[in-house]
Amino acid sequence: MRKILLTLCFALAASPAPAWQAGREGAVCTLTHTDPDAGEVRLTHDPAGPLYTITVTRTEPWPEAPIFGIAFGGGAELTITTDRHVLSEDARALTVTDRGFGNVLTGLARNETATIFTGPAALTVSLVGAAPEVADFAACEVAPSV
């Protein structure tokens, strides 16, 4: 029995950290997902604004394209598109800013994958384990300063 418990403890300790991580940077709430082979998805929420951003960074540059979208699959399928995206100087990061991200948060919490696309380029990320982190992100508010 002791050997089984030790084996289980080592297996749990060796498990990777959750792929999605909610947190704070000062007053700004964050939600991130990093895939070393593909790139990073980073959402921020400044409750004082209120202002939301999503930035998707790839190892390869994003192409110039008129539409940016996210197709959620594996649960509550939904596709969201916008023409209000901007590329970073090196075109590896694509950012969208808005006053509300209700559909994005619902898509992240209720699906298994998100395929982020613009033009012919796409990045698919796993949403396994995202729901509790999305809930933490959605509940994030400005902490009182006094």
N, C-alpha and C. Protein backbone atom coordinates (compact mmCIF):
# COMPACT_ATOMS: atom_id res chain seq x y z
N MET A 1 0.83 -1.19 0.00
CA MET A 1 0.00 0.00 0.00
C MET A 1 0.87 1.26 0.00
N ARG A 2 1.93 1.22 0.79
CA ARG A 2 2.82 2.37 0.86
C ARG A 2 3.46 2.64 -0.49
N LYS A 3 3.84 1.58 -1.19
CA LYS A 3 4.45 1.73 -2.50
C LYS A 3 3.46 2.35 -3.50
N ILE A 4 2.21 1.96 -3.42
CA ILE A 4 1.18 2.52 -4.29
C ILE A 4 0.99 4.01 -4.01
N LEU A 5 0.95 4.39 -2.74
CA LEU A 5 0.80 5.79 -2.38
C LEU A 5 1.99 6.63 -2.86
N LEU A 6 3.19 6.09 -2.68
CA LEU A 6 4.38 6.82 -3.15
C LEU A 6 4.36 6.98 -4.66
N THR A 7 3.98 5.94 -5.37
CA THR A 7 3.90 6.00 -6.82
C THR A 7 2.88 7.05 -7.25
N LEU A 8 1.72 7.08 -6.59
CA LEU A 8 0.70 8.06 -6.90
C LEU A 8 1.19 9.47 -6.62
N CYS A 9 1.87 9.68 -5.51
CA CYS A 9 2.40 11.01 -5.18
C CYS A 9 3.41 11.47 -6.21
N PHE A 10 4.30 10.59 -6.64
CA PHE A 10 5.29 10.97 -7.65
C PHE A 10 4.62 11.26 -8.99
N ALA A 11 3.59 10.50 -9.33
CA ALA A 11 2.88 10.73 -10.59
C ALA A 11 2.20 12.09 -10.58
N LEU A 12 1.56 12.44 -9.46
CA LEU A 12 0.90 13.73 -9.36
C LEU A 12 1.91 14.87 -9.37
N ALA A 13 3.03 14.70 -8.71
CA ALA A 13 4.06 15.74 -8.68
C ALA A 13 4.67 15.96 -10.05
N ALA A 14 4.73 14.90 -10.86
CA ALA A 14 5.33 15.00 -12.18
C ALA A 14 4.35 15.50 -13.23
N SER A 15 3.07 15.60 -12.90
CA SER A 15 2.07 16.07 -13.86
C SER A 15 2.33 17.53 -14.21
N PRO A 16 2.07 17.89 -15.47
CA PRO A 16 2.29 19.28 -15.86
C PRO A 16 1.30 20.21 -15.17
N ALA A 17 1.71 21.46 -15.03
CA ALA A 17 0.84 22.48 -14.44
C ALA A 17 -0.35 22.69 -15.37
N PRO A 18 -1.46 23.21 -14.84
CA PRO A 18 -2.61 23.45 -15.70
C PRO A 18 -2.23 24.31 -16.90
N ALA A 19 -2.79 23.97 -18.06
CA ALA A 19 -2.46 24.69 -19.29
C ALA A 19 -3.01 26.11 -19.27
N TRP A 20 -4.15 26.33 -18.61
CA TRP A 20 -4.75 27.65 -18.51
C TRP A 20 -4.50 28.17 -17.12
N GLN A 21 -4.17 29.45 -17.00
CA GLN A 21 -3.82 30.02 -15.70
C GLN A 21 -4.43 31.42 -15.56
N ALA A 22 -5.29 31.59 -14.56
CA ALA A 22 -5.84 32.91 -14.25
C ALA A 22 -4.96 33.56 -13.20
N GLY A 23 -4.83 34.88 -13.26
CA GLY A 23 -4.01 35.59 -12.27
C GLY A 23 -4.27 37.08 -12.33
N ARG A 24 -3.37 37.82 -11.73
CA ARG A 24 -3.45 39.29 -11.69
C ARG A 24 -2.07 39.87 -11.91
N GLU A 25 -2.05 41.00 -12.54
CA GLU A 25 -0.85 41.83 -12.64
C GLU A 25 -1.28 43.21 -12.19
N GLY A 26 -1.09 43.47 -10.89
CA GLY A 26 -1.62 44.70 -10.31
C GLY A 26 -3.13 44.65 -10.34
N ALA A 27 -3.77 45.65 -10.92
CA ALA A 27 -5.23 45.69 -11.00
C ALA A 27 -5.77 44.96 -12.22
N VAL A 28 -4.90 44.51 -13.10
CA VAL A 28 -5.32 43.86 -14.34
C VAL A 28 -5.42 42.35 -14.13
N CYS A 29 -6.57 41.79 -14.52
CA CYS A 29 -6.80 40.35 -14.43
C CYS A 29 -6.24 39.70 -15.69
N THR A 30 -5.68 38.50 -15.56
CA THR A 30 -5.08 37.83 -16.71
C THR A 30 -5.57 36.39 -16.80
N LEU A 31 -5.57 35.87 -18.01
CA LEU A 31 -5.85 34.46 -18.29
C LEU A 31 -4.92 34.07 -19.42
N THR A 32 -4.06 33.08 -19.19
CA THR A 32 -3.07 32.72 -20.20
C THR A 32 -3.07 31.23 -20.46
N HIS A 33 -2.64 30.91 -21.66
CA HIS A 33 -2.42 29.53 -22.07
C HIS A 33 -1.18 29.55 -22.96
N THR A 34 -0.20 28.72 -22.64
CA THR A 34 1.02 28.67 -23.43
C THR A 34 1.26 27.26 -23.94
N ASP A 35 1.53 27.16 -25.22
CA ASP A 35 1.90 25.91 -25.86
C ASP A 35 3.27 26.16 -26.50
N PRO A 36 4.33 25.54 -25.95
CA PRO A 36 5.68 25.84 -26.46
C PRO A 36 5.85 25.60 -27.95
N ASP A 37 5.04 24.70 -28.53
CA ASP A 37 5.17 24.40 -29.96
C ASP A 37 4.36 25.33 -30.84
N ALA A 38 3.34 25.98 -30.28
CA ALA A 38 2.43 26.76 -31.12
C ALA A 38 2.41 28.24 -30.79
N GLY A 39 2.33 28.58 -29.51
CA GLY A 39 2.25 29.99 -29.16
C GLY A 39 1.54 30.21 -27.85
N GLU A 40 1.03 31.43 -27.67
CA GLU A 40 0.40 31.82 -26.42
C GLU A 40 -0.90 32.56 -26.68
N VAL A 41 -1.89 32.29 -25.82
CA VAL A 41 -3.14 33.04 -25.80
C VAL A 41 -3.16 33.76 -24.46
N ARG A 42 -3.40 35.06 -24.52
CA ARG A 42 -3.41 35.87 -23.29
C ARG A 42 -4.59 36.83 -23.31
N LEU A 43 -5.44 36.71 -22.31
CA LEU A 43 -6.55 37.64 -22.14
C LEU A 43 -6.24 38.53 -20.96
N THR A 44 -6.64 39.79 -21.06
CA THR A 44 -6.53 40.70 -19.92
C THR A 44 -7.88 41.39 -19.73
N HIS A 45 -8.13 41.78 -18.50
CA HIS A 45 -9.33 42.55 -18.18
C HIS A 45 -8.92 43.62 -17.18
N ASP A 46 -9.15 44.85 -17.56
CA ASP A 46 -8.93 45.97 -16.65
C ASP A 46 -10.31 46.39 -16.16
N PRO A 47 -10.71 45.95 -14.95
CA PRO A 47 -12.05 46.26 -14.45
C PRO A 47 -12.32 47.75 -14.32
N ALA A 48 -11.29 48.57 -14.20
CA ALA A 48 -11.50 50.01 -14.07
C ALA A 48 -11.96 50.62 -15.39
N GLY A 49 -11.68 49.93 -16.51
CA GLY A 49 -12.00 50.44 -17.84
C GLY A 49 -13.46 50.52 -18.18
N PRO A 50 -14.25 49.50 -18.17
CA PRO A 50 -13.73 48.13 -18.29
C PRO A 50 -13.22 47.90 -19.70
N LEU A 51 -12.16 47.13 -19.81
CA LEU A 51 -11.56 46.87 -21.10
C LEU A 51 -10.98 45.46 -21.11
N TYR A 52 -11.29 44.71 -22.14
CA TYR A 52 -10.77 43.36 -22.32
C TYR A 52 -9.85 43.34 -23.53
N THR A 53 -8.82 42.51 -23.48
CA THR A 53 -7.99 42.25 -24.66
C THR A 53 -7.74 40.76 -24.77
N ILE A 54 -7.55 40.31 -25.98
CA ILE A 54 -7.03 38.98 -26.23
C ILE A 54 -5.88 39.16 -27.20
N THR A 55 -4.75 38.56 -26.85
CA THR A 55 -3.57 38.59 -27.71
C THR A 55 -3.15 37.16 -27.97
N VAL A 56 -3.01 36.82 -29.23
CA VAL A 56 -2.59 35.49 -29.63
C VAL A 56 -1.25 35.63 -30.33
N THR A 57 -0.24 35.02 -29.74
CA THR A 57 1.12 35.10 -30.28
C THR A 57 1.51 33.75 -30.83
N ARG A 58 1.99 33.73 -32.06
CA ARG A 58 2.42 32.49 -32.71
C ARG A 58 3.93 32.52 -32.93
N THR A 59 4.47 31.34 -33.19
CA THR A 59 5.89 31.26 -33.52
C THR A 59 6.13 31.83 -34.92
N GLU A 60 5.14 31.73 -35.79
CA GLU A 60 5.22 32.28 -37.15
C GLU A 60 4.36 33.55 -37.21
N PRO A 61 4.68 34.48 -38.08
CA PRO A 61 3.85 35.69 -38.19
C PRO A 61 2.42 35.39 -38.66
N TRP A 62 1.48 36.19 -38.18
CA TRP A 62 0.11 36.14 -38.68
C TRP A 62 0.07 36.88 -40.01
N PRO A 63 -0.72 36.43 -40.96
CA PRO A 63 -0.83 37.18 -42.21
C PRO A 63 -1.76 38.38 -42.04
N GLU A 64 -1.58 39.38 -42.87
CA GLU A 64 -2.54 40.49 -42.93
C GLU A 64 -3.84 39.90 -43.47
N ALA A 65 -4.94 40.17 -42.81
CA ALA A 65 -6.24 39.66 -43.26
C ALA A 65 -7.34 40.55 -42.70
N PRO A 66 -8.47 40.65 -43.40
CA PRO A 66 -9.53 41.55 -42.94
C PRO A 66 -10.32 41.03 -41.74
N ILE A 67 -10.30 39.72 -41.49
CA ILE A 67 -11.13 39.14 -40.43
C ILE A 67 -10.27 38.28 -39.51
N PHE A 68 -10.52 38.41 -38.20
CA PHE A 68 -9.94 37.55 -37.17
C PHE A 68 -11.10 36.77 -36.56
N GLY A 69 -10.89 35.51 -36.25
CA GLY A 69 -11.97 34.73 -35.66
C GLY A 69 -11.48 33.67 -34.69
N ILE A 70 -12.43 33.21 -33.88
CA ILE A 70 -12.19 32.08 -32.99
C ILE A 70 -13.38 31.14 -33.18
N ALA A 71 -13.08 29.88 -33.53
CA ALA A 71 -14.10 28.85 -33.67
C ALA A 71 -13.96 27.90 -32.49
N PHE A 72 -14.97 27.85 -31.64
CA PHE A 72 -14.97 26.97 -30.49
C PHE A 72 -15.66 25.67 -30.87
N GLY A 73 -15.09 24.54 -30.44
CA GLY A 73 -15.67 23.25 -30.77
C GLY A 73 -15.63 22.28 -29.61
N GLY A 74 -16.57 21.34 -29.65
CA GLY A 74 -16.57 20.28 -28.66
C GLY A 74 -17.43 20.56 -27.46
N GLY A 75 -18.59 21.12 -27.65
CA GLY A 75 -19.48 21.40 -26.52
C GLY A 75 -20.55 22.38 -26.92
N ALA A 76 -20.27 23.64 -26.79
CA ALA A 76 -21.19 24.71 -27.17
C ALA A 76 -20.56 25.45 -28.34
N GLU A 77 -20.59 24.80 -29.52
CA GLU A 77 -19.92 25.35 -30.69
C GLU A 77 -20.35 26.78 -30.98
N LEU A 78 -19.37 27.58 -31.33
CA LEU A 78 -19.60 29.00 -31.56
C LEU A 78 -18.42 29.54 -32.35
N THR A 79 -18.68 30.41 -33.31
CA THR A 79 -17.61 31.10 -34.03
C THR A 79 -17.83 32.60 -33.89
N ILE A 80 -16.77 33.29 -33.50
CA ILE A 80 -16.80 34.73 -33.29
C ILE A 80 -15.81 35.35 -34.27
N THR A 81 -16.21 36.42 -34.95
CA THR A 81 -15.29 37.11 -35.85
C THR A 81 -15.34 38.61 -35.61
N THR A 82 -14.26 39.27 -36.01
CA THR A 82 -14.19 40.72 -35.91
C THR A 82 -13.21 41.24 -36.95
N ASP A 83 -13.36 42.51 -37.27
CA ASP A 83 -12.40 43.17 -38.15
C ASP A 83 -11.59 44.20 -37.37
N ARG A 84 -11.69 44.16 -36.03
CA ARG A 84 -11.01 45.15 -35.18
C ARG A 84 -9.75 44.59 -34.54
N HIS A 85 -8.96 43.88 -35.27
CA HIS A 85 -7.73 43.30 -34.74
C HIS A 85 -6.53 44.08 -35.27
N VAL A 86 -5.45 44.03 -34.51
CA VAL A 86 -4.21 44.68 -34.93
C VAL A 86 -3.06 43.70 -34.75
N LEU A 87 -2.09 43.84 -35.61
CA LEU A 87 -0.89 43.00 -35.54
C LEU A 87 0.25 43.78 -34.90
N SER A 88 1.10 43.05 -34.18
CA SER A 88 2.31 43.66 -33.61
C SER A 88 3.26 44.00 -34.76
N GLU A 89 4.30 44.71 -34.43
CA GLU A 89 5.27 45.13 -35.44
C GLU A 89 5.87 43.94 -36.20
N ASP A 90 6.15 42.84 -35.49
CA ASP A 90 6.71 41.66 -36.14
C ASP A 90 5.64 40.70 -36.65
N ALA A 91 4.37 41.04 -36.49
CA ALA A 91 3.20 40.28 -36.94
C ALA A 91 3.03 38.92 -36.24
N ARG A 92 3.78 38.66 -35.20
CA ARG A 92 3.63 37.40 -34.47
C ARG A 92 2.50 37.47 -33.45
N ALA A 93 2.13 38.67 -33.02
CA ALA A 93 1.06 38.84 -32.03
C ALA A 93 -0.11 39.58 -32.68
N LEU A 94 -1.29 39.04 -32.44
CA LEU A 94 -2.52 39.63 -32.94
C LEU A 94 -3.38 39.97 -31.73
N THR A 95 -3.89 41.20 -31.66
CA THR A 95 -4.64 41.66 -30.48
C THR A 95 -6.00 42.22 -30.88
N VAL A 96 -7.00 41.89 -30.07
CA VAL A 96 -8.34 42.47 -30.20
C VAL A 96 -8.69 43.07 -28.84
N THR A 97 -9.25 44.27 -28.85
CA THR A 97 -9.66 44.97 -27.63
C THR A 97 -11.15 45.28 -27.73
N ASP A 98 -11.85 45.08 -26.60
CA ASP A 98 -13.30 45.35 -26.59
C ASP A 98 -13.76 45.62 -25.17
N ARG A 99 -14.97 46.12 -25.02
CA ARG A 99 -15.55 46.39 -23.71
C ARG A 99 -16.16 45.15 -23.07
N GLY A 100 -16.40 44.11 -23.83
CA GLY A 100 -16.99 42.88 -23.29
C GLY A 100 -16.50 41.66 -24.04
N PHE A 101 -16.31 40.57 -23.32
CA PHE A 101 -15.84 39.32 -23.92
C PHE A 101 -16.73 38.16 -23.50
N GLY A 102 -18.02 38.42 -23.27
CA GLY A 102 -18.92 37.37 -22.81
C GLY A 102 -18.90 36.13 -23.68
N ASN A 103 -19.00 36.31 -25.01
CA ASN A 103 -18.99 35.16 -25.92
C ASN A 103 -17.65 34.43 -25.90
N VAL A 104 -16.57 35.17 -25.78
CA VAL A 104 -15.24 34.55 -25.73
C VAL A 104 -15.11 33.71 -24.46
N LEU A 105 -15.51 34.27 -23.32
CA LEU A 105 -15.39 33.53 -22.06
C LEU A 105 -16.29 32.31 -22.05
N THR A 106 -17.51 32.44 -22.59
CA THR A 106 -18.41 31.29 -22.69
C THR A 106 -17.79 30.22 -23.58
N GLY A 107 -17.25 30.61 -24.70
CA GLY A 107 -16.61 29.66 -25.59
C GLY A 107 -15.43 28.94 -24.95
N LEU A 108 -14.60 29.68 -24.23
CA LEU A 108 -13.45 29.07 -23.55
C LEU A 108 -13.88 28.08 -22.47
N ALA A 109 -14.94 28.42 -21.76
CA ALA A 109 -15.37 27.60 -20.62
C ALA A 109 -16.16 26.36 -21.03
N ARG A 110 -16.83 26.39 -22.16
CA ARG A 110 -17.79 25.33 -22.49
C ARG A 110 -17.38 24.44 -23.66
N ASN A 111 -16.14 24.55 -24.09
CA ASN A 111 -15.71 23.76 -25.25
C ASN A 111 -14.40 23.04 -24.99
N GLU A 112 -14.02 22.21 -25.95
CA GLU A 112 -12.79 21.42 -25.83
C GLU A 112 -11.62 22.02 -26.60
N THR A 113 -11.94 22.77 -27.66
CA THR A 113 -10.88 23.39 -28.46
C THR A 113 -11.29 24.79 -28.91
N ALA A 114 -10.29 25.60 -29.19
CA ALA A 114 -10.51 26.90 -29.82
C ALA A 114 -9.55 26.99 -30.99
N THR A 115 -10.09 27.24 -32.17
CA THR A 115 -9.25 27.45 -33.34
C THR A 115 -9.29 28.94 -33.66
N ILE A 116 -8.14 29.55 -33.52
CA ILE A 116 -7.98 30.99 -33.71
C ILE A 116 -7.44 31.17 -35.12
N PHE A 117 -8.08 32.03 -35.92
CA PHE A 117 -7.70 32.11 -37.32
C PHE A 117 -7.78 33.52 -37.86
N THR A 118 -6.99 33.76 -38.87
CA THR A 118 -7.07 34.96 -39.69
C THR A 118 -6.43 34.62 -41.02
N GLY A 119 -7.12 34.97 -42.11
CA GLY A 119 -6.62 34.58 -43.43
C GLY A 119 -6.43 33.08 -43.47
N PRO A 120 -5.33 32.62 -44.07
CA PRO A 120 -5.09 31.18 -44.18
C PRO A 120 -4.44 30.57 -42.92
N ALA A 121 -4.10 31.37 -41.94
CA ALA A 121 -3.38 30.89 -40.75
C ALA A 121 -4.35 30.56 -39.62
N ALA A 122 -4.03 29.48 -38.90
CA ALA A 122 -4.87 29.09 -37.76
C ALA A 122 -4.00 28.47 -36.67
N LEU A 123 -4.48 28.59 -35.45
CA LEU A 123 -3.83 28.01 -34.29
C LEU A 123 -4.93 27.37 -33.45
N THR A 124 -4.84 26.07 -33.20
CA THR A 124 -5.82 25.38 -32.39
C THR A 124 -5.22 25.09 -31.03
N VAL A 125 -5.97 25.46 -29.97
CA VAL A 125 -5.51 25.23 -28.61
C VAL A 125 -6.54 24.39 -27.86
N SER A 126 -6.05 23.60 -26.94
CA SER A 126 -6.91 22.79 -26.09
C SER A 126 -7.54 23.65 -25.01
N LEU A 127 -8.80 23.38 -24.73
CA LEU A 127 -9.50 24.07 -23.65
C LEU A 127 -9.74 23.15 -22.47
N VAL A 128 -9.11 21.99 -22.48
CA VAL A 128 -9.24 21.05 -21.37
C VAL A 128 -8.69 21.72 -20.12
N GLY A 129 -9.50 21.77 -19.07
CA GLY A 129 -9.09 22.40 -17.82
C GLY A 129 -9.24 23.90 -17.79
N ALA A 130 -9.76 24.50 -18.86
CA ALA A 130 -9.87 25.96 -18.90
C ALA A 130 -11.02 26.50 -18.05
N ALA A 131 -12.11 25.76 -17.93
CA ALA A 131 -13.34 26.28 -17.30
C ALA A 131 -13.12 26.89 -15.92
N PRO A 132 -12.44 26.21 -14.96
CA PRO A 132 -12.27 26.84 -13.65
C PRO A 132 -11.41 28.10 -13.70
N GLU A 133 -10.43 28.13 -14.58
CA GLU A 133 -9.57 29.31 -14.71
C GLU A 133 -10.35 30.46 -15.35
N VAL A 134 -11.21 30.14 -16.32
CA VAL A 134 -12.06 31.15 -16.94
C VAL A 134 -13.00 31.74 -15.89
N ALA A 135 -13.56 30.89 -15.03
CA ALA A 135 -14.44 31.37 -13.96
C ALA A 135 -13.70 32.31 -13.02
N ASP A 136 -12.47 31.97 -12.66
CA ASP A 136 -11.65 32.86 -11.81
C ASP A 136 -11.39 34.19 -12.51
N PHE A 137 -11.06 34.13 -13.78
CA PHE A 137 -10.81 35.33 -14.57
C PHE A 137 -12.07 36.20 -14.62
N ALA A 138 -13.23 35.59 -14.89
CA ALA A 138 -14.49 36.33 -15.00
C ALA A 138 -14.88 36.98 -13.66
N ALA A 139 -14.48 36.36 -12.54
CA ALA A 139 -14.83 36.89 -11.22
C ALA A 139 -13.85 37.93 -10.72
N CYS A 140 -12.76 38.12 -11.42
CA CYS A 140 -11.72 39.04 -10.99
C CYS A 140 -12.24 40.48 -10.99
N GLU A 141 -12.03 41.18 -9.90
CA GLU A 141 -12.46 42.57 -9.78
C GLU A 141 -11.33 43.40 -9.18
N VAL A 142 -11.53 44.68 -9.20
CA VAL A 142 -10.54 45.58 -8.59
C VAL A 142 -10.56 45.39 -7.08
N ALA A 143 -9.40 45.16 -6.50
CA ALA A 143 -9.30 45.04 -5.05
C ALA A 143 -9.32 46.43 -4.44
N PRO A 144 -10.00 46.62 -3.31
CA PRO A 144 -10.01 47.93 -2.68
C PRO A 144 -8.59 48.36 -2.30
N SER A 145 -8.29 49.63 -2.49
CA SER A 145 -6.95 50.12 -2.19
C SER A 145 -6.77 50.47 -0.72
N VAL A 146 -7.84 50.55 0.04
CA VAL A 146 -7.76 50.90 1.45
C VAL A 146 -8.25 49.76 2.30
